[in-house]
């Protein structure tokens, strides 16, 4: 895990009165790295002058 991300995560947990062990940090690292990769892809999209209009469409099936 990137040291800056690890420090930020530890600070966030400490602020909430929590402490993570190394196993917890490794699991957090996997999630954070996946999130960061998806965020990089999102930021790389060139939309030009287009405005974003996010839409939430839950895929719930009621029977």
N, C-alpha and C. Protein backbone atom coordinates (compact mmCIF):
# COMPACT_ATOMS: atom_id res chain seq x y z
N UNK A 1 0.86 -1.17 0.00
CA UNK A 1 0.00 0.00 0.00
C UNK A 1 0.90 1.22 0.00
N UNK A 2 0.48 2.23 -0.74
CA UNK A 2 1.18 3.50 -0.77
C UNK A 2 1.26 4.06 0.65
N UNK A 3 2.44 4.55 1.04
CA UNK A 3 2.64 5.02 2.42
C UNK A 3 1.71 6.18 2.78
N UNK A 4 1.46 7.08 1.84
CA UNK A 4 0.57 8.22 2.11
C UNK A 4 -0.85 7.73 2.36
N UNK A 5 -1.30 6.77 1.58
CA UNK A 5 -2.65 6.20 1.76
C UNK A 5 -2.71 5.48 3.10
N UNK A 6 -1.65 4.73 3.43
CA UNK A 6 -1.63 4.01 4.71
C UNK A 6 -1.69 4.99 5.88
N UNK A 7 -0.92 6.07 5.81
CA UNK A 7 -0.93 7.07 6.88
C UNK A 7 -2.30 7.72 7.00
N UNK A 8 -2.91 8.03 5.88
CA UNK A 8 -4.24 8.65 5.89
C UNK A 8 -5.27 7.70 6.49
N UNK A 9 -5.18 6.44 6.11
CA UNK A 9 -6.11 5.44 6.64
C UNK A 9 -5.94 5.27 8.14
N UNK A 10 -4.69 5.17 8.58
CA UNK A 10 -4.43 5.04 10.02
C UNK A 10 -4.95 6.26 10.78
N UNK A 11 -4.75 7.46 10.21
CA UNK A 11 -5.22 8.69 10.87
C UNK A 11 -6.74 8.70 10.95
N UNK A 12 -7.40 8.28 9.88
CA UNK A 12 -8.86 8.22 9.87
C UNK A 12 -9.39 7.25 10.92
N UNK A 13 -8.77 6.08 10.99
CA UNK A 13 -9.19 5.09 11.98
C UNK A 13 -8.92 5.59 13.40
N UNK A 14 -7.76 6.22 13.60
CA UNK A 14 -7.42 6.74 14.92
C UNK A 14 -8.40 7.82 15.35
N UNK A 15 -8.80 8.66 14.41
CA UNK A 15 -9.76 9.72 14.71
C UNK A 15 -11.06 9.14 15.24
N UNK A 16 -11.42 7.96 14.75
CA UNK A 16 -12.66 7.31 15.18
C UNK A 16 -12.44 6.36 16.35
N UNK A 17 -11.21 6.36 16.89
CA UNK A 17 -10.92 5.52 18.04
C UNK A 17 -10.69 4.06 17.69
N UNK A 18 -10.32 3.79 16.45
CA UNK A 18 -10.10 2.42 16.00
C UNK A 18 -8.63 2.20 15.67
N UNK A 19 -8.23 0.96 15.70
CA UNK A 19 -6.85 0.61 15.34
C UNK A 19 -6.90 -0.64 14.48
N UNK A 20 -6.21 -0.62 13.36
CA UNK A 20 -6.21 -1.76 12.44
C UNK A 20 -4.92 -2.55 12.58
N UNK A 21 -5.03 -3.85 12.49
CA UNK A 21 -3.82 -4.67 12.45
C UNK A 21 -3.37 -4.81 11.00
N UNK A 22 -2.23 -5.46 10.79
CA UNK A 22 -1.69 -5.57 9.42
C UNK A 22 -2.64 -6.30 8.48
N UNK A 23 -3.33 -7.33 8.94
CA UNK A 23 -4.27 -8.05 8.08
C UNK A 23 -5.40 -7.15 7.62
N UNK A 24 -5.87 -6.30 8.52
CA UNK A 24 -6.93 -5.35 8.16
C UNK A 24 -6.43 -4.37 7.11
N UNK A 25 -5.21 -3.88 7.30
CA UNK A 25 -4.66 -2.92 6.35
C UNK A 25 -4.49 -3.53 4.97
N UNK A 26 -4.12 -4.80 4.91
CA UNK A 26 -3.97 -5.46 3.61
C UNK A 26 -5.32 -5.56 2.90
N UNK A 27 -6.37 -5.87 3.64
CA UNK A 27 -7.70 -5.95 3.03
C UNK A 27 -8.18 -4.57 2.59
N UNK A 28 -7.92 -3.56 3.43
CA UNK A 28 -8.26 -2.19 3.04
C UNK A 28 -7.49 -1.80 1.78
N UNK A 29 -6.22 -2.21 1.70
CA UNK A 29 -5.38 -1.86 0.56
C UNK A 29 -5.97 -2.38 -0.74
N UNK A 30 -6.47 -3.62 -0.72
CA UNK A 30 -7.07 -4.19 -1.93
C UNK A 30 -8.26 -3.36 -2.39
N UNK A 31 -9.10 -2.98 -1.44
CA UNK A 31 -10.30 -2.19 -1.77
C UNK A 31 -9.91 -0.81 -2.26
N UNK A 32 -8.97 -0.17 -1.57
CA UNK A 32 -8.56 1.18 -1.94
C UNK A 32 -7.89 1.18 -3.31
N UNK A 33 -7.04 0.20 -3.59
CA UNK A 33 -6.37 0.14 -4.89
C UNK A 33 -7.38 -0.07 -6.02
N UNK A 34 -8.38 -0.91 -5.80
CA UNK A 34 -9.43 -1.10 -6.80
C UNK A 34 -10.18 0.20 -7.03
N UNK A 35 -10.54 0.87 -5.94
CA UNK A 35 -11.25 2.14 -6.02
C UNK A 35 -10.41 3.18 -6.77
N UNK A 36 -9.12 3.27 -6.43
CA UNK A 36 -8.24 4.26 -7.06
C UNK A 36 -8.09 3.99 -8.56
N UNK A 37 -8.00 2.72 -8.96
CA UNK A 37 -7.89 2.39 -10.37
C UNK A 37 -9.16 2.79 -11.12
N UNK A 38 -10.32 2.50 -10.53
CA UNK A 38 -11.58 2.90 -11.16
C UNK A 38 -11.70 4.41 -11.23
N UNK A 39 -11.23 5.10 -10.20
CA UNK A 39 -11.27 6.56 -10.19
C UNK A 39 -10.36 7.14 -11.27
N UNK A 40 -9.18 6.55 -11.46
CA UNK A 40 -8.27 7.00 -12.52
C UNK A 40 -8.93 6.84 -13.89
N UNK A 41 -9.61 5.72 -14.10
CA UNK A 41 -10.29 5.50 -15.37
C UNK A 41 -11.38 6.54 -15.58
N UNK A 42 -12.12 6.84 -14.54
CA UNK A 42 -13.18 7.83 -14.63
C UNK A 42 -12.62 9.20 -14.96
N UNK A 43 -11.52 9.57 -14.32
CA UNK A 43 -10.90 10.87 -14.57
C UNK A 43 -10.27 10.96 -15.95
N UNK A 44 -9.92 9.82 -16.55
CA UNK A 44 -9.27 9.84 -17.85
C UNK A 44 -10.25 10.06 -19.01
N UNK A 45 -11.54 9.95 -18.74
CA UNK A 45 -12.54 10.13 -19.79
C UNK A 45 -12.63 11.61 -20.15
N UNK A 46 -12.47 11.90 -21.43
CA UNK A 46 -12.55 13.28 -21.89
C UNK A 46 -13.98 13.56 -22.34
N UNK A 47 -14.71 14.29 -21.54
CA UNK A 47 -16.10 14.60 -21.86
C UNK A 47 -16.26 15.94 -22.57
N UNK A 48 -15.15 16.63 -22.76
CA UNK A 48 -15.24 17.93 -23.41
C UNK A 48 -16.11 18.86 -22.61
N UNK A 49 -17.10 19.46 -23.25
CA UNK A 49 -17.98 20.41 -22.59
C UNK A 49 -19.25 19.74 -22.05
N UNK A 50 -19.31 18.42 -22.13
CA UNK A 50 -20.49 17.70 -21.66
C UNK A 50 -20.66 17.84 -20.15
N UNK A 51 -21.88 17.95 -19.71
CA UNK A 51 -22.17 17.96 -18.29
C UNK A 51 -22.51 16.56 -17.85
N UNK A 52 -22.10 16.23 -16.64
CA UNK A 52 -22.42 14.92 -16.09
C UNK A 52 -23.82 14.94 -15.50
N UNK A 53 -24.53 13.87 -15.71
CA UNK A 53 -25.86 13.72 -15.13
C UNK A 53 -25.99 12.29 -14.62
N UNK A 54 -25.41 12.00 -13.46
CA UNK A 54 -25.48 10.63 -12.95
C UNK A 54 -26.91 10.21 -12.66
N UNK A 55 -27.17 8.94 -12.88
CA UNK A 55 -28.50 8.39 -12.67
C UNK A 55 -28.36 7.12 -11.84
N UNK A 56 -29.19 6.99 -10.85
CA UNK A 56 -29.19 5.79 -10.02
C UNK A 56 -30.34 4.91 -10.46
N UNK A 57 -30.03 3.70 -10.89
CA UNK A 57 -31.06 2.76 -11.32
C UNK A 57 -30.86 1.43 -10.59
N UNK A 58 -31.49 1.26 -9.46
CA UNK A 58 -31.31 0.01 -8.72
C UNK A 58 -31.90 -1.16 -9.52
N UNK A 59 -31.27 -2.27 -9.42
CA UNK A 59 -31.71 -3.48 -10.14
C UNK A 59 -32.48 -4.40 -9.21
N UNK A 60 -33.44 -3.86 -8.49
CA UNK A 60 -34.25 -4.66 -7.57
C UNK A 60 -35.38 -5.33 -8.34
N UNK A 61 -35.60 -6.58 -8.05
CA UNK A 61 -36.74 -7.25 -8.66
C UNK A 61 -37.70 -7.61 -7.53
N UNK A 62 -38.89 -7.08 -7.60
CA UNK A 62 -39.90 -7.34 -6.59
C UNK A 62 -40.83 -8.42 -7.10
N UNK A 63 -41.00 -9.47 -6.30
CA UNK A 63 -41.86 -10.58 -6.74
C UNK A 63 -43.02 -10.72 -5.78
